[in-house]
Amino acid sequence: MRHTCGGVFLVGASLVCGAAFGANDGLYIGGSLGQSEEHFDASTYFVRSDDTAYKIEAGFRPLDVIAGEVDYVSFGRASGGVNYADTYGVGVFALGYLPIPVVDVYGRLGVVNWRTNVTSPYESFRRTGSDLAYGAGAGMSWGSLGVRLEYELYDVAHANTMNLATVGVTWSFL
């Protein structure tokens, strides 16, 4: 009886590991929800927040160790008194994966084209630019369905701090 349970466990673990490791290549789409932190430079305008953020992504992973991805990210609203700022952006990233079975551990490096709309009772203006973005993540896949946990930093020119921590799902087109 003990050998049968052990054998069933090994077969089940092999199926799960095989699905998790072998189904990641190709086109994929996904979405993430999480927490953003924004602290803007006081010389420009003083607003800050820890707000709910979301990200939508599409990518292509041609090999087990590398992928390319395009993201849309909304950081939510940062506020300070009656002033507020909404920041969002589109980024292009390269992802490099460590060759670890079962779990995908990766780093990401790219450029984000961002836009911040600032509103106050006295004036409104916008800032735009393209800056470096980088981060790390981990994920697992079961067939076409995957889950991710990511942390990203954005070097936005007028922000002292701009980062994002998310949990998301992906769907691979096998």
N, C-alpha and C. Protein backbone atom coordinates (compact mmCIF):
# COMPACT_ATOMS: atom_id res chain seq x y z
N MET A 1 0.82 -1.19 0.00
CA MET A 1 0.00 0.00 0.00
C MET A 1 0.86 1.25 0.00
N ARG A 2 1.95 1.25 0.80
CA ARG A 2 2.82 2.40 0.86
C ARG A 2 3.51 2.64 -0.49
N HIS A 3 3.89 1.57 -1.19
CA HIS A 3 4.54 1.71 -2.49
C HIS A 3 3.57 2.26 -3.52
N THR A 4 2.32 1.87 -3.45
CA THR A 4 1.32 2.35 -4.38
C THR A 4 1.10 3.85 -4.20
N CYS A 5 0.96 4.31 -2.93
CA CYS A 5 0.78 5.75 -2.66
C CYS A 5 2.00 6.53 -3.13
N GLY A 6 3.19 5.99 -2.88
CA GLY A 6 4.41 6.66 -3.32
C GLY A 6 4.48 6.76 -4.83
N GLY A 7 4.08 5.68 -5.53
CA GLY A 7 4.07 5.67 -6.99
C GLY A 7 3.07 6.67 -7.55
N VAL A 8 1.88 6.73 -6.97
CA VAL A 8 0.86 7.68 -7.41
C VAL A 8 1.37 9.11 -7.20
N PHE A 9 2.01 9.35 -6.06
CA PHE A 9 2.57 10.67 -5.78
C PHE A 9 3.62 11.05 -6.81
N LEU A 10 4.53 10.14 -7.15
CA LEU A 10 5.58 10.43 -8.13
C LEU A 10 5.01 10.71 -9.52
N VAL A 11 4.01 9.93 -9.93
CA VAL A 11 3.39 10.14 -11.24
C VAL A 11 2.68 11.49 -11.26
N GLY A 12 1.93 11.79 -10.18
CA GLY A 12 1.22 13.07 -10.10
C GLY A 12 2.19 14.24 -10.10
N ALA A 13 3.27 14.13 -9.32
CA ALA A 13 4.28 15.19 -9.28
C ALA A 13 4.94 15.37 -10.64
N SER A 14 5.19 14.28 -11.35
CA SER A 14 5.79 14.37 -12.68
C SER A 14 4.88 15.08 -13.66
N LEU A 15 3.57 14.80 -13.59
CA LEU A 15 2.62 15.46 -14.47
C LEU A 15 2.55 16.95 -14.18
N VAL A 16 2.48 17.30 -12.90
CA VAL A 16 2.42 18.72 -12.53
C VAL A 16 3.69 19.43 -12.95
N CYS A 17 4.84 18.85 -12.67
CA CYS A 17 6.12 19.47 -13.03
C CYS A 17 6.26 19.57 -14.54
N GLY A 18 5.85 18.55 -15.25
CA GLY A 18 5.93 18.59 -16.71
C GLY A 18 5.05 19.69 -17.27
N ALA A 19 3.84 19.84 -16.73
CA ALA A 19 2.95 20.90 -17.19
C ALA A 19 3.52 22.26 -16.82
N ALA A 20 4.08 22.38 -15.64
CA ALA A 20 4.60 23.66 -15.18
C ALA A 20 5.84 24.07 -15.97
N PHE A 21 6.67 23.14 -16.35
CA PHE A 21 7.93 23.48 -17.00
C PHE A 21 7.81 23.55 -18.52
N GLY A 22 6.96 22.73 -19.11
CA GLY A 22 6.99 22.61 -20.56
C GLY A 22 6.04 23.49 -21.32
N ALA A 23 5.10 24.17 -20.65
CA ALA A 23 4.05 24.88 -21.38
C ALA A 23 4.24 26.39 -21.42
N ASN A 24 5.43 26.89 -21.19
CA ASN A 24 5.62 28.32 -21.07
C ASN A 24 6.01 29.02 -22.35
N ASP A 25 6.50 28.33 -23.35
CA ASP A 25 6.99 28.97 -24.56
C ASP A 25 5.83 29.41 -25.45
N GLY A 26 6.06 30.49 -26.21
CA GLY A 26 5.07 30.97 -27.16
C GLY A 26 4.46 32.30 -26.74
N LEU A 27 3.36 32.65 -27.41
CA LEU A 27 2.64 33.88 -27.12
C LEU A 27 1.86 33.77 -25.83
N TYR A 28 1.75 34.89 -25.09
CA TYR A 28 0.94 34.89 -23.87
C TYR A 28 0.37 36.28 -23.62
N ILE A 29 -0.72 36.31 -22.88
CA ILE A 29 -1.33 37.56 -22.41
C ILE A 29 -1.55 37.43 -20.92
N GLY A 30 -1.72 38.54 -20.25
CA GLY A 30 -1.94 38.47 -18.81
C GLY A 30 -2.40 39.78 -18.23
N GLY A 31 -2.74 39.69 -16.97
CA GLY A 31 -3.15 40.87 -16.22
C GLY A 31 -2.73 40.72 -14.77
N SER A 32 -2.43 41.84 -14.13
CA SER A 32 -1.96 41.84 -12.75
C SER A 32 -2.64 42.95 -11.97
N LEU A 33 -2.79 42.72 -10.69
CA LEU A 33 -3.35 43.70 -9.78
C LEU A 33 -2.43 43.80 -8.58
N GLY A 34 -2.22 45.01 -8.07
CA GLY A 34 -1.32 45.13 -6.95
C GLY A 34 -1.30 46.50 -6.32
N GLN A 35 -0.16 46.81 -5.73
CA GLN A 35 0.04 48.04 -4.96
C GLN A 35 1.15 48.86 -5.60
N SER A 36 0.87 50.15 -5.82
CA SER A 36 1.90 51.05 -6.32
C SER A 36 2.30 52.01 -5.21
N GLU A 37 3.53 52.49 -5.31
CA GLU A 37 4.02 53.52 -4.40
C GLU A 37 4.57 54.64 -5.27
N GLU A 38 4.05 55.86 -5.07
CA GLU A 38 4.47 57.01 -5.84
C GLU A 38 4.79 58.15 -4.89
N HIS A 39 5.98 58.69 -4.98
CA HIS A 39 6.39 59.88 -4.24
C HIS A 39 7.05 60.80 -5.24
N PHE A 40 6.40 61.91 -5.52
CA PHE A 40 6.89 62.82 -6.54
C PHE A 40 7.78 63.89 -5.94
N ASP A 41 8.65 64.41 -6.75
CA ASP A 41 9.61 65.45 -6.37
C ASP A 41 8.87 66.70 -5.90
N ALA A 42 9.19 67.18 -4.71
CA ALA A 42 8.51 68.35 -4.13
C ALA A 42 8.77 69.62 -4.93
N SER A 43 9.86 69.70 -5.69
CA SER A 43 10.13 70.90 -6.48
C SER A 43 9.18 71.01 -7.68
N THR A 44 8.63 69.89 -8.13
CA THR A 44 7.69 69.90 -9.24
C THR A 44 6.27 70.02 -8.72
N TYR A 45 5.85 69.09 -7.91
CA TYR A 45 4.56 69.09 -7.21
C TYR A 45 4.64 68.03 -6.13
N PHE A 46 4.00 68.27 -5.03
CA PHE A 46 4.13 67.38 -3.89
C PHE A 46 2.87 66.53 -3.75
N VAL A 47 2.91 65.34 -4.29
CA VAL A 47 1.85 64.36 -4.11
C VAL A 47 2.50 63.01 -3.89
N ARG A 48 1.83 62.16 -3.15
CA ARG A 48 2.35 60.82 -2.88
C ARG A 48 1.18 59.88 -2.66
N SER A 49 1.46 58.57 -2.82
CA SER A 49 0.39 57.60 -2.57
C SER A 49 0.94 56.19 -2.48
N ASP A 50 0.15 55.37 -1.86
CA ASP A 50 0.24 53.92 -1.93
C ASP A 50 -1.15 53.50 -2.39
N ASP A 51 -1.30 53.18 -3.66
CA ASP A 51 -2.62 52.99 -4.24
C ASP A 51 -2.70 51.66 -4.99
N THR A 52 -3.91 51.27 -5.30
CA THR A 52 -4.13 50.07 -6.12
C THR A 52 -3.73 50.37 -7.55
N ALA A 53 -3.01 49.43 -8.15
CA ALA A 53 -2.54 49.59 -9.52
C ALA A 53 -2.87 48.33 -10.31
N TYR A 54 -2.85 48.45 -11.63
CA TYR A 54 -3.05 47.26 -12.47
C TYR A 54 -2.14 47.33 -13.68
N LYS A 55 -1.95 46.15 -14.27
CA LYS A 55 -1.07 46.02 -15.43
C LYS A 55 -1.68 44.99 -16.38
N ILE A 56 -1.60 45.27 -17.67
CA ILE A 56 -2.02 44.35 -18.72
C ILE A 56 -0.80 44.09 -19.59
N GLU A 57 -0.52 42.82 -19.89
CA GLU A 57 0.69 42.50 -20.64
C GLU A 57 0.43 41.50 -21.76
N ALA A 58 1.29 41.57 -22.78
CA ALA A 58 1.30 40.60 -23.87
C ALA A 58 2.78 40.35 -24.18
N GLY A 59 3.10 39.08 -24.42
CA GLY A 59 4.50 38.77 -24.67
C GLY A 59 4.71 37.56 -25.52
N PHE A 60 5.98 37.34 -25.83
CA PHE A 60 6.40 36.18 -26.60
C PHE A 60 7.65 35.61 -25.95
N ARG A 61 7.60 34.31 -25.66
CA ARG A 61 8.74 33.61 -25.06
C ARG A 61 9.21 32.54 -26.04
N PRO A 62 10.22 32.86 -26.87
CA PRO A 62 10.66 31.90 -27.87
C PRO A 62 11.49 30.76 -27.30
N LEU A 63 12.18 31.02 -26.20
CA LEU A 63 13.03 30.02 -25.54
C LEU A 63 12.70 29.98 -24.05
N ASP A 64 13.13 28.93 -23.37
CA ASP A 64 12.86 28.81 -21.94
C ASP A 64 13.54 29.89 -21.11
N VAL A 65 14.59 30.54 -21.62
CA VAL A 65 15.37 31.48 -20.82
C VAL A 65 15.17 32.95 -21.17
N ILE A 66 14.35 33.28 -22.18
CA ILE A 66 14.19 34.68 -22.58
C ILE A 66 12.78 34.93 -23.11
N ALA A 67 12.30 36.15 -22.88
CA ALA A 67 10.99 36.56 -23.40
C ALA A 67 11.01 38.06 -23.65
N GLY A 68 10.10 38.51 -24.49
CA GLY A 68 9.87 39.94 -24.73
C GLY A 68 8.44 40.25 -24.36
N GLU A 69 8.20 41.44 -23.79
CA GLU A 69 6.87 41.74 -23.29
C GLU A 69 6.54 43.21 -23.48
N VAL A 70 5.28 43.51 -23.76
CA VAL A 70 4.75 44.86 -23.83
C VAL A 70 3.70 44.97 -22.74
N ASP A 71 3.79 46.04 -21.91
CA ASP A 71 2.89 46.22 -20.77
C ASP A 71 2.21 47.57 -20.83
N TYR A 72 0.97 47.61 -20.34
CA TYR A 72 0.30 48.86 -20.00
C TYR A 72 0.13 48.84 -18.50
N VAL A 73 0.54 49.92 -17.82
CA VAL A 73 0.44 49.97 -16.36
C VAL A 73 -0.23 51.27 -15.94
N SER A 74 -1.15 51.15 -14.99
CA SER A 74 -1.78 52.31 -14.36
C SER A 74 -1.39 52.29 -12.88
N PHE A 75 -0.73 53.35 -12.43
CA PHE A 75 -0.24 53.41 -11.05
C PHE A 75 -1.27 53.89 -10.05
N GLY A 76 -2.45 54.27 -10.51
CA GLY A 76 -3.45 54.79 -9.59
C GLY A 76 -3.27 56.29 -9.40
N ARG A 77 -3.85 56.80 -8.33
CA ARG A 77 -3.85 58.24 -8.08
C ARG A 77 -3.01 58.59 -6.86
N ALA A 78 -2.09 59.53 -7.06
CA ALA A 78 -1.31 60.09 -5.95
C ALA A 78 -1.92 61.44 -5.60
N SER A 79 -1.99 61.75 -4.31
CA SER A 79 -2.62 63.00 -3.92
C SER A 79 -1.85 63.68 -2.80
N GLY A 80 -2.09 64.97 -2.67
CA GLY A 80 -1.52 65.78 -1.61
C GLY A 80 -2.43 66.97 -1.40
N GLY A 81 -3.27 66.91 -0.38
CA GLY A 81 -4.27 67.96 -0.16
C GLY A 81 -5.30 67.93 -1.27
N VAL A 82 -5.45 69.06 -1.98
CA VAL A 82 -6.41 69.13 -3.07
C VAL A 82 -5.77 68.83 -4.43
N ASN A 83 -4.48 68.54 -4.45
CA ASN A 83 -3.76 68.22 -5.68
C ASN A 83 -3.72 66.71 -5.88
N TYR A 84 -3.75 66.29 -7.14
CA TYR A 84 -3.60 64.86 -7.41
C TYR A 84 -2.94 64.65 -8.76
N ALA A 85 -2.37 63.44 -8.90
CA ALA A 85 -1.67 63.08 -10.14
C ALA A 85 -2.01 61.64 -10.51
N ASP A 86 -2.32 61.44 -11.77
CA ASP A 86 -2.58 60.10 -12.32
C ASP A 86 -1.44 59.76 -13.27
N THR A 87 -0.78 58.63 -13.03
CA THR A 87 0.34 58.22 -13.88
C THR A 87 0.05 56.87 -14.51
N TYR A 88 0.35 56.76 -15.79
CA TYR A 88 0.23 55.50 -16.50
C TYR A 88 1.31 55.45 -17.56
N GLY A 89 1.53 54.26 -18.10
CA GLY A 89 2.57 54.13 -19.11
C GLY A 89 2.50 52.84 -19.89
N VAL A 90 3.24 52.81 -20.98
CA VAL A 90 3.40 51.63 -21.82
C VAL A 90 4.88 51.30 -21.83
N GLY A 91 5.20 50.04 -21.55
CA GLY A 91 6.60 49.64 -21.48
C GLY A 91 6.92 48.47 -22.39
N VAL A 92 8.17 48.40 -22.79
CA VAL A 92 8.70 47.27 -23.56
C VAL A 92 9.83 46.68 -22.73
N PHE A 93 9.77 45.35 -22.48
CA PHE A 93 10.69 44.69 -21.57
C PHE A 93 11.31 43.45 -22.18
N ALA A 94 12.53 43.17 -21.76
CA ALA A 94 13.17 41.87 -21.99
C ALA A 94 13.17 41.14 -20.65
N LEU A 95 12.77 39.87 -20.65
CA LEU A 95 12.75 39.05 -19.45
C LEU A 95 13.77 37.94 -19.59
N GLY A 96 14.60 37.76 -18.59
CA GLY A 96 15.58 36.69 -18.57
C GLY A 96 15.25 35.73 -17.44
N TYR A 97 15.09 34.44 -17.76
CA TYR A 97 14.66 33.42 -16.80
C TYR A 97 15.84 32.56 -16.36
N LEU A 98 15.87 32.22 -15.08
CA LEU A 98 16.83 31.25 -14.58
C LEU A 98 16.35 29.86 -14.95
N PRO A 99 17.24 28.95 -15.33
CA PRO A 99 16.83 27.59 -15.73
C PRO A 99 16.54 26.71 -14.51
N ILE A 100 15.45 27.02 -13.81
CA ILE A 100 15.03 26.27 -12.62
C ILE A 100 13.75 25.52 -12.97
N PRO A 101 13.68 24.22 -12.72
CA PRO A 101 12.45 23.49 -13.01
C PRO A 101 11.31 23.94 -12.10
N VAL A 102 10.10 23.78 -12.56
CA VAL A 102 8.84 24.00 -11.87
C VAL A 102 8.53 25.49 -11.67
N VAL A 103 9.44 26.30 -11.14
CA VAL A 103 9.18 27.71 -10.85
C VAL A 103 9.97 28.58 -11.82
N ASP A 104 9.30 29.57 -12.40
CA ASP A 104 9.97 30.55 -13.25
C ASP A 104 10.45 31.69 -12.36
N VAL A 105 11.74 31.91 -12.30
CA VAL A 105 12.32 33.05 -11.60
C VAL A 105 12.99 33.90 -12.67
N TYR A 106 12.65 35.20 -12.71
CA TYR A 106 13.14 36.02 -13.82
C TYR A 106 13.43 37.45 -13.38
N GLY A 107 14.26 38.09 -14.17
CA GLY A 107 14.51 39.52 -14.06
C GLY A 107 13.94 40.19 -15.29
N ARG A 108 13.62 41.46 -15.16
CA ARG A 108 13.05 42.20 -16.29
C ARG A 108 13.73 43.56 -16.40
N LEU A 109 13.97 43.98 -17.64
CA LEU A 109 14.62 45.25 -17.91
C LEU A 109 13.97 45.85 -19.14
N GLY A 110 13.62 47.14 -19.05
CA GLY A 110 12.99 47.74 -20.21
C GLY A 110 12.89 49.24 -20.11
N VAL A 111 12.09 49.79 -21.01
CA VAL A 111 11.84 51.22 -21.09
C VAL A 111 10.33 51.43 -21.03
N VAL A 112 9.91 52.40 -20.21
CA VAL A 112 8.50 52.72 -20.11
C VAL A 112 8.28 54.15 -20.60
N ASN A 113 7.30 54.32 -21.46
CA ASN A 113 6.87 55.62 -21.93
C ASN A 113 5.69 56.03 -21.04
N TRP A 114 5.89 56.99 -20.14
CA TRP A 114 4.92 57.31 -19.12
C TRP A 114 4.30 58.68 -19.35
N ARG A 115 3.17 58.88 -18.67
CA ARG A 115 2.48 60.17 -18.71
C ARG A 115 1.87 60.41 -17.34
N THR A 116 2.08 61.59 -16.79
CA THR A 116 1.48 61.98 -15.51
C THR A 116 0.62 63.21 -15.75
N ASN A 117 -0.65 63.11 -15.39
CA ASN A 117 -1.58 64.24 -15.46
C ASN A 117 -1.75 64.77 -14.04
N VAL A 118 -1.41 66.04 -13.82
CA VAL A 118 -1.49 66.67 -12.51
C VAL A 118 -2.63 67.68 -12.53
N THR A 119 -3.45 67.63 -11.47
CA THR A 119 -4.59 68.54 -11.37
C THR A 119 -4.62 69.15 -9.99
N SER A 120 -4.85 70.46 -9.95
CA SER A 120 -5.06 71.18 -8.70
C SER A 120 -6.15 72.22 -8.96
N PRO A 121 -6.66 72.86 -7.92
CA PRO A 121 -7.69 73.88 -8.15
C PRO A 121 -7.18 75.07 -8.97
N TYR A 122 -5.87 75.28 -9.02
CA TYR A 122 -5.32 76.47 -9.65
C TYR A 122 -4.73 76.22 -11.03
N GLU A 123 -4.28 75.00 -11.29
CA GLU A 123 -3.69 74.71 -12.60
C GLU A 123 -3.69 73.20 -12.84
N SER A 124 -3.56 72.86 -14.09
CA SER A 124 -3.41 71.46 -14.49
C SER A 124 -2.31 71.40 -15.54
N PHE A 125 -1.52 70.34 -15.48
CA PHE A 125 -0.47 70.16 -16.48
C PHE A 125 -0.14 68.68 -16.58
N ARG A 126 0.67 68.36 -17.56
CA ARG A 126 1.09 66.96 -17.72
C ARG A 126 2.59 66.91 -17.96
N ARG A 127 3.15 65.81 -17.55
CA ARG A 127 4.57 65.50 -17.80
C ARG A 127 4.60 64.17 -18.54
N THR A 128 5.52 64.06 -19.48
CA THR A 128 5.69 62.81 -20.22
C THR A 128 7.18 62.51 -20.34
N GLY A 129 7.47 61.28 -20.64
CA GLY A 129 8.86 60.89 -20.86
C GLY A 129 9.01 59.40 -21.04
N SER A 130 10.22 59.00 -21.29
CA SER A 130 10.57 57.58 -21.40
C SER A 130 11.76 57.33 -20.50
N ASP A 131 11.63 56.35 -19.62
CA ASP A 131 12.68 56.08 -18.64
C ASP A 131 12.84 54.58 -18.42
N LEU A 132 13.92 54.24 -17.74
CA LEU A 132 14.27 52.86 -17.43
C LEU A 132 13.30 52.26 -16.41
N ALA A 133 13.00 50.99 -16.60
CA ALA A 133 12.21 50.21 -15.64
C ALA A 133 12.86 48.85 -15.50
N TYR A 134 12.85 48.31 -14.28
CA TYR A 134 13.47 47.01 -14.04
C TYR A 134 12.80 46.35 -12.84
N GLY A 135 12.98 45.05 -12.73
CA GLY A 135 12.36 44.33 -11.63
C GLY A 135 12.67 42.85 -11.67
N ALA A 136 11.93 42.12 -10.84
CA ALA A 136 12.10 40.68 -10.74
C ALA A 136 10.75 40.05 -10.47
N GLY A 137 10.66 38.77 -10.75
CA GLY A 137 9.40 38.06 -10.52
C GLY A 137 9.60 36.57 -10.43
N ALA A 138 8.52 35.92 -10.05
CA ALA A 138 8.48 34.46 -9.99
C ALA A 138 7.09 34.02 -10.41
N GLY A 139 7.01 32.85 -11.00
CA GLY A 139 5.71 32.35 -11.45
C GLY A 139 5.71 30.85 -11.63
N MET A 140 4.51 30.32 -11.81
CA MET A 140 4.31 28.90 -12.10
C MET A 140 3.22 28.78 -13.16
N SER A 141 3.26 27.69 -13.91
CA SER A 141 2.25 27.44 -14.95
C SER A 141 1.72 26.03 -14.83
N TRP A 142 0.44 25.90 -15.15
CA TRP A 142 -0.23 24.60 -15.24
C TRP A 142 -0.93 24.59 -16.58
N GLY A 143 -0.28 23.96 -17.55
CA GLY A 143 -0.80 24.01 -18.91
C GLY A 143 -0.68 25.43 -19.43
N SER A 144 -1.78 25.99 -19.93
CA SER A 144 -1.77 27.35 -20.46
C SER A 144 -1.92 28.42 -19.38
N LEU A 145 -2.42 28.05 -18.22
CA LEU A 145 -2.66 29.01 -17.15
C LEU A 145 -1.42 29.19 -16.28
N GLY A 146 -1.07 30.43 -16.00
CA GLY A 146 0.08 30.72 -15.14
C GLY A 146 -0.25 31.78 -14.12
N VAL A 147 0.52 31.82 -13.05
CA VAL A 147 0.40 32.86 -12.03
C VAL A 147 1.77 33.51 -11.86
N ARG A 148 1.77 34.80 -11.48
CA ARG A 148 3.00 35.58 -11.34
C ARG A 148 2.96 36.42 -10.08
N LEU A 149 4.13 36.65 -9.53
CA LEU A 149 4.35 37.61 -8.45
C LEU A 149 5.53 38.47 -8.89
N GLU A 150 5.33 39.81 -8.99
CA GLU A 150 6.37 40.67 -9.53
C GLU A 150 6.58 41.92 -8.67
N TYR A 151 7.81 42.44 -8.73
CA TYR A 151 8.14 43.73 -8.12
C TYR A 151 8.95 44.51 -9.15
N GLU A 152 8.52 45.74 -9.44
CA GLU A 152 9.18 46.56 -10.46
C GLU A 152 9.48 47.95 -9.93
N LEU A 153 10.58 48.51 -10.39
CA LEU A 153 10.98 49.88 -10.08
C LEU A 153 11.03 50.67 -11.38
N TYR A 154 10.55 51.90 -11.33
CA TYR A 154 10.51 52.77 -12.50
C TYR A 154 11.32 54.03 -12.19
N ASP A 155 12.29 54.35 -13.04
CA ASP A 155 13.11 55.55 -12.87
C ASP A 155 12.47 56.74 -13.58
N VAL A 156 11.27 57.10 -13.15
CA VAL A 156 10.55 58.22 -13.75
C VAL A 156 11.24 59.52 -13.32
N ALA A 157 11.49 60.41 -14.27
CA ALA A 157 12.35 61.58 -14.06
C ALA A 157 11.90 62.47 -12.90
N HIS A 158 10.63 62.72 -12.73
CA HIS A 158 10.16 63.67 -11.72
C HIS A 158 9.70 63.00 -10.42
N ALA A 159 9.93 61.71 -10.29
CA ALA A 159 9.47 60.98 -9.10
C ALA A 159 10.66 60.54 -8.25
N ASN A 160 10.53 60.71 -6.94
CA ASN A 160 11.54 60.18 -6.03
C ASN A 160 11.40 58.67 -5.92
N THR A 161 10.17 58.19 -5.89
CA THR A 161 9.88 56.76 -5.81
C THR A 161 8.73 56.43 -6.74
N MET A 162 8.88 55.38 -7.52
CA MET A 162 7.80 54.87 -8.36
C MET A 162 8.03 53.37 -8.47
N ASN A 163 7.24 52.59 -7.74
CA ASN A 163 7.39 51.13 -7.82
C ASN A 163 6.05 50.45 -7.80
N LEU A 164 6.07 49.16 -8.08
CA LEU A 164 4.85 48.40 -8.26
C LEU A 164 5.08 46.96 -7.82
N ALA A 165 4.20 46.44 -6.97
CA ALA A 165 4.20 45.03 -6.57
C ALA A 165 2.87 44.45 -6.99
N THR A 166 2.89 43.36 -7.78
CA THR A 166 1.65 42.81 -8.32
C THR A 166 1.59 41.29 -8.23
N VAL A 167 0.37 40.80 -8.28
CA VAL A 167 0.07 39.37 -8.44
C VAL A 167 -0.80 39.27 -9.68
N GLY A 168 -0.49 38.34 -10.56
CA GLY A 168 -1.24 38.27 -11.81
C GLY A 168 -1.39 36.88 -12.36
N VAL A 169 -2.15 36.81 -13.44
CA VAL A 169 -2.36 35.56 -14.17
C VAL A 169 -1.96 35.77 -15.63
N THR A 170 -1.51 34.69 -16.26
CA THR A 170 -1.18 34.71 -17.68
C THR A 170 -1.86 33.53 -18.36
N TRP A 171 -2.05 33.69 -19.65
CA TRP A 171 -2.59 32.61 -20.47
C TRP A 171 -1.69 32.46 -21.69
N SER A 172 -1.11 31.27 -21.86
CA SER A 172 -0.21 30.98 -22.98
C SER A 172 -0.99 30.31 -24.10
N PHE A 173 -0.70 30.70 -25.32
CA PHE A 173 -1.32 30.09 -26.49
C PHE A 173 -0.36 29.03 -27.01
N LEU A 174 -0.63 27.80 -26.67
CA LEU A 174 0.28 26.69 -26.99
C LEU A 174 0.26 26.36 -28.47
